[in-house]
Amino acid sequence: MNSTVRSSGVSSRIRETHAGVGEFAMRFTSTPRGARLARRLTSHRLDEWGYPYDGEINEAVTALVGELTANAVRHGHVPGRDFALCLTVTRAGGAVRFRVEVSDTRSERLPVVGSGGEGEAGVEERGVLAESGRGLLIVGSLADRWGVLPRPGGPGKTVWAEYVAAVGAAGH
C-alpha cells in the first residue's frame, strides 16, 4: 500500500510492501510542536505496521525519533526551515531493522561522533544536575548504531540511528 498525505501543503510518503518493508517520510515545522507530532506519528505508524504502542520496539524507536527531532529543533533550527523525518523498516534474515533519519538545514552544529563515523554513547559530560545534554546518550544506548551525514540535496545534515530486533521479538 502506497499513499501520500498532504497537511498544510507538506507531503508525506507512506509505503508498505508484503516483504516487510515500510517507509514513512514527512517534513515538520522546526518547533517543539513539530518534534512532538513527529514522535506521535511515528508511534502511530509503527502500531499500524504491527509493532504495538506498548511494545519494546515501538517504545525504543519512538524514543529515538523523539531525541533526534528534539535535537533538530534545538540545535538545527533555521528560521523558516522545516526538518525532515524518514523512518524505514526492513527485514533481512532473522532481523528487522528500523532506520530513523532526521535532516535539518544547519550544517555548522554537528553532534559528537566516534572516529569511525558512527555515534558513541560518550557525549561531553555536563554534570549530574544539567537540564540538557543527555539526548545523544539516550540515542547511543538505544540504537545499535548511529551517525551523521551531509544532508542530501542541500545544506545541512542528517542524523540517523538504527535499531535492530530479532523477528518475533518483544513488541511484535
Protein backbone atom coordinates (compact mmCIF):
# COMPACT_ATOMS: atom_id res chain seq x y z
CA MET A 1 0.00 0.00 0.00
CA ASN A 2 1.38 3.36 -1.01
CA SER A 3 -0.15 6.66 -0.08
CA THR A 4 0.66 10.31 0.05
CA VAL A 5 -0.68 12.57 2.77
CA ARG A 6 -0.86 16.35 2.44
CA SER A 7 -1.07 18.52 5.51
CA SER A 8 -0.64 22.28 5.35
CA GLY A 9 0.99 22.00 1.93
CA VAL A 10 3.59 19.49 3.16
CA SER A 11 3.52 15.99 1.75
CA SER A 12 4.49 12.74 3.38
CA ARG A 13 5.25 9.31 2.00
CA ILE A 14 3.93 6.10 3.46
CA ARG A 15 4.87 2.84 1.74
CA GLU A 16 4.32 -0.73 2.78
CA THR A 17 5.13 -3.94 0.96
CA HIS A 18 4.38 -7.58 1.61
CA ALA A 19 8.09 -8.26 2.14
CA GLY A 20 8.02 -6.46 5.50
CA VAL A 21 9.44 -3.21 4.21
CA GLY A 22 7.86 0.07 5.21
CA GLU A 23 8.70 3.74 4.86
CA PHE A 24 7.24 6.83 6.47
CA ALA A 25 8.67 10.22 5.49
CA MET A 26 7.40 13.69 6.31
CA ARG A 27 8.56 17.26 6.87
CA PHE A 28 7.66 19.06 10.09
CA THR A 29 7.94 22.62 11.35
CA SER A 30 11.14 23.14 13.28
CA THR A 31 9.32 23.74 16.57
CA PRO A 32 8.73 21.70 19.73
CA ARG A 33 5.22 21.06 18.41
CA GLY A 34 6.66 19.67 15.16
CA ALA A 35 9.00 17.37 17.11
CA ARG A 36 6.11 16.16 19.27
CA LEU A 37 3.97 15.49 16.18
CA ALA A 38 6.81 13.54 14.53
CA ARG A 39 7.16 11.38 17.63
CA ARG A 40 3.41 10.72 17.85
CA LEU A 41 3.01 9.92 14.15
CA THR A 42 5.98 7.53 14.33
CA SER A 43 4.41 5.64 17.22
CA HIS A 44 1.09 5.51 15.37
CA ARG A 45 2.73 4.30 12.13
CA LEU A 46 4.66 1.58 14.00
CA ASP A 47 1.45 0.41 15.65
CA GLU A 48 -0.25 0.21 12.24
CA TRP A 49 2.69 -1.84 10.94
CA GLY A 50 2.19 -4.35 13.77
CA TYR A 51 4.55 -3.00 16.44
CA PRO A 52 2.12 -2.13 19.28
CA TYR A 53 2.26 1.09 21.28
CA ASP A 54 3.24 -0.69 24.50
CA GLY A 55 5.83 -2.94 22.85
CA GLU A 56 9.57 -2.63 23.31
CA ILE A 57 10.18 -1.91 19.62
CA ASN A 58 7.61 0.89 19.39
CA GLU A 59 8.86 2.49 22.60
CA ALA A 60 12.54 2.33 21.59
CA VAL A 61 12.08 3.61 18.03
CA THR A 62 9.70 6.34 19.20
CA ALA A 63 12.25 7.43 21.82
CA LEU A 64 14.94 7.62 19.11
CA VAL A 65 12.66 9.78 16.97
CA GLY A 66 11.85 11.95 19.98
CA GLU A 67 15.50 12.60 20.81
CA LEU A 68 16.64 13.21 17.23
CA THR A 69 13.73 15.53 16.39
CA ALA A 70 14.17 17.46 19.64
CA ASN A 71 17.84 17.94 18.73
CA ALA A 72 16.89 19.07 15.22
CA VAL A 73 14.61 21.70 16.74
CA ARG A 74 17.02 22.82 19.43
CA HIS A 75 20.35 22.66 17.62
CA GLY A 76 19.46 22.56 13.91
CA HIS A 77 16.74 25.19 13.75
CA VAL A 78 16.97 27.73 10.95
CA PRO A 79 14.07 30.22 10.89
CA GLY A 80 11.58 29.35 8.16
CA ARG A 81 13.07 25.91 7.51
CA ASP A 82 11.50 22.56 8.37
CA PHE A 83 13.16 19.35 9.47
CA ALA A 84 12.51 16.04 7.73
CA LEU A 85 11.92 12.62 9.25
CA CYS A 86 12.30 9.34 7.39
CA LEU A 87 11.58 6.00 9.09
CA THR A 88 12.29 2.80 7.20
CA VAL A 89 11.67 -0.76 8.30
CA THR A 90 13.34 -3.68 6.54
CA ARG A 91 13.54 -7.38 7.21
CA ALA A 92 16.62 -9.42 6.44
CA GLY A 93 17.29 -12.93 7.66
CA GLY A 94 16.04 -13.21 11.22
CA ALA A 95 16.11 -9.50 12.00
CA VAL A 96 14.01 -6.42 11.46
CA ARG A 97 15.92 -3.12 11.10
CA PHE A 98 14.40 0.27 11.89
CA ARG A 99 16.31 3.25 10.49
CA VAL A 100 15.43 6.75 11.64
CA GLU A 101 16.82 9.73 9.72
CA VAL A 102 16.24 13.33 10.80
CA SER A 103 17.52 16.07 8.48
CA ASP A 104 17.81 19.77 9.20
CA THR A 105 19.37 22.64 7.27
CA ARG A 106 22.05 23.66 9.75
CA SER A 107 25.45 22.17 8.96
CA GLU A 108 27.72 24.02 11.38
CA ARG A 109 26.31 22.36 14.53
CA LEU A 110 27.15 18.66 14.36
CA PRO A 111 26.70 16.04 17.07
CA VAL A 112 29.79 14.38 18.52
CA VAL A 113 30.53 11.16 16.65
CA GLY A 114 33.19 8.48 17.03
CA SER A 115 36.22 8.15 14.80
CA GLY A 116 34.55 5.50 12.63
CA GLY A 117 31.77 7.90 11.60
CA GLU A 118 29.27 6.29 13.95
CA GLY A 119 28.00 7.85 17.12
CA GLU A 120 29.29 6.88 20.51
CA ALA A 121 27.34 6.93 23.75
CA GLY A 122 30.08 9.01 25.40
CA VAL A 123 28.99 12.62 24.99
CA GLU A 124 30.63 15.53 26.77
CA GLU A 125 29.76 15.38 30.47
CA ARG A 126 27.72 18.32 31.70
CA GLY A 127 27.21 17.38 35.32
CA VAL A 128 24.52 15.39 37.08
CA LEU A 129 22.19 18.38 37.55
CA ALA A 130 22.32 19.63 33.96
CA GLU A 131 18.87 20.01 32.38
CA SER A 132 20.05 19.08 28.88
CA GLY A 133 22.82 17.26 27.10
CA ARG A 134 21.65 13.68 27.57
CA GLY A 135 19.76 13.16 24.29
CA LEU A 136 22.67 11.59 22.45
CA LEU A 137 23.41 9.39 25.46
CA ILE A 138 19.88 8.05 25.12
CA VAL A 139 20.31 7.60 21.35
CA GLY A 140 23.62 5.81 21.93
CA SER A 141 22.11 3.45 24.48
CA LEU A 142 19.01 2.59 22.42
CA ALA A 143 20.46 2.44 18.91
CA ASP A 144 22.60 -0.37 17.58
CA ARG A 145 24.49 2.36 15.72
CA TRP A 146 24.05 6.00 14.78
CA GLY A 147 25.87 8.73 12.94
CA VAL A 148 25.68 11.94 10.97
CA LEU A 149 25.92 12.57 7.21
CA PRO A 150 25.67 15.63 4.97
CA ARG A 151 22.03 16.28 4.04
CA PRO A 152 21.35 15.00 0.53
CA GLY A 153 20.36 17.67 -1.96
CA GLY A 154 21.08 20.73 0.12
CA PRO A 155 22.73 22.36 3.08
CA GLY A 156 22.55 20.76 6.49
CA LYS A 157 22.91 17.33 8.00
CA THR A 158 21.10 14.07 8.52
CA VAL A 159 21.43 12.36 11.88
CA TRP A 160 20.49 8.70 11.67
CA ALA A 161 20.04 5.85 14.11
CA GLU A 162 19.34 2.15 13.62
CA TYR A 163 17.50 -0.19 15.94
CA VAL A 164 17.66 -3.91 15.18
CA ALA A 165 15.37 -6.54 16.69
CA ALA A 166 15.02 -10.27 16.13
CA VAL A 167 11.92 -11.21 14.12
CA GLY A 168 9.27 -12.16 16.66
CA ALA A 169 10.97 -10.05 19.38
CA ALA A 170 9.01 -8.38 22.15
CA GLY A 171 6.57 -5.87 20.74
CA HIS A 172 5.93 -7.80 17.51
